[in-house]
C-alpha cells in the first residue's frame, strides 16, 4: 500500500502543479487586461479633462504657488 501511494504521489503533485501553472497564467492575463483598460481610461480622462492634470507642475501646487484653498479669516 505504501509503495502504491509513493508511486502515485509524484504524478498527483505534477498534475496539481500543471493546473496551478495554467490558472496563474490565466490570472496574469486578466490582470494585464485590467492594466491596459485602466491606462486607456486614464488617457481618456486626461484628454477630456486637461485642467485636472498640469504636467508642468510636478509638486502638485497651483502655478501661483498657493495651496489652492481659499484663505480663512482668523476669528
Protein backbone atom coordinates (compact mmCIF):
# COMPACT_ATOMS: atom_id res chain seq x y z
CA UNK A 1 0.00 0.00 0.00
CA UNK A 2 2.81 2.41 0.88
CA UNK A 3 4.63 1.68 -2.38
CA UNK A 4 1.46 2.37 -4.35
CA UNK A 5 0.98 5.72 -2.57
CA UNK A 6 4.62 6.67 -3.10
CA UNK A 7 4.45 5.99 -6.82
CA UNK A 8 1.14 7.86 -7.27
CA UNK A 9 2.16 10.91 -5.24
CA UNK A 10 4.64 12.43 -7.74
CA UNK A 11 2.08 12.20 -10.57
CA UNK A 12 -0.55 13.88 -8.40
CA UNK A 13 1.85 16.65 -7.48
CA UNK A 14 2.74 17.08 -11.14
CA UNK A 15 -0.94 17.38 -12.11
CA UNK A 16 -1.63 19.90 -9.34
CA UNK A 17 1.40 21.93 -10.40
CA UNK A 18 0.29 21.93 -14.02
CA UNK A 19 -3.19 23.11 -13.07
CA UNK A 20 -1.72 25.82 -10.82
CA UNK A 21 0.51 26.99 -13.65
CA UNK A 22 -2.38 27.27 -16.08
CA UNK A 23 -4.52 29.10 -13.52
CA UNK A 24 -1.71 31.54 -12.72
CA UNK A 25 -1.23 32.25 -16.43
CA UNK A 26 -4.94 32.99 -16.86
CA UNK A 27 -4.90 35.27 -13.80
CA UNK A 28 -1.88 37.13 -15.16
CA UNK A 29 -3.68 37.64 -18.49
CA UNK A 30 -6.71 39.03 -16.65
CA UNK A 31 -4.54 41.42 -14.62
CA UNK A 32 -2.77 42.57 -17.77
CA UNK A 33 -6.14 43.24 -19.39
CA UNK A 34 -7.23 45.30 -16.39
CA UNK A 35 -3.96 47.25 -16.51
CA UNK A 36 -4.48 48.08 -20.19
CA UNK A 37 -8.11 49.05 -19.55
CA UNK A 38 -7.03 51.37 -16.71
CA UNK A 39 -4.40 53.00 -18.90
CA UNK A 40 -6.96 53.64 -21.64
CA UNK A 41 -9.40 55.14 -19.14
CA UNK A 42 -6.71 57.44 -17.73
CA UNK A 43 -5.76 58.60 -21.22
CA UNK A 44 -9.41 59.31 -21.98
CA UNK A 45 -9.80 61.21 -18.69
CA UNK A 46 -6.70 63.29 -19.33
CA UNK A 47 -7.91 64.20 -22.81
CA UNK A 48 -11.42 65.12 -21.69
CA UNK A 49 -10.40 66.99 -18.50
CA UNK A 50 -6.96 68.54 -19.01
CA UNK A 51 -7.50 71.00 -16.17
CA UNK A 52 -7.09 68.13 -13.69
CA UNK A 53 -3.56 67.43 -14.90
CA UNK A 54 -0.83 70.07 -15.00
CA UNK A 55 2.24 68.32 -16.42
CA UNK A 56 4.41 71.42 -15.99
CA UNK A 57 3.98 71.40 -12.21
CA UNK A 58 5.40 68.29 -10.55
CA UNK A 59 4.89 69.28 -6.89
CA UNK A 60 1.08 69.44 -7.02
CA UNK A 61 0.89 73.17 -6.26
CA UNK A 62 -1.11 75.61 -8.40
CA UNK A 63 1.00 77.75 -10.76
CA UNK A 64 0.92 80.80 -8.44
CA UNK A 65 2.43 78.82 -5.54
CA UNK A 66 -0.58 78.97 -3.22
CA UNK A 67 -2.25 75.91 -1.75
CA UNK A 68 -5.40 76.24 -3.80
CA UNK A 69 -7.62 76.62 -0.72
CA UNK A 70 -9.45 79.86 -0.02
CA UNK A 71 -7.95 81.98 2.74
CA UNK A 72 -9.84 81.89 6.03
CA UNK A 73 -10.10 84.89 8.27
CA UNK A 74 -8.89 84.27 11.81
CA UNK A 75 -11.69 84.62 14.15
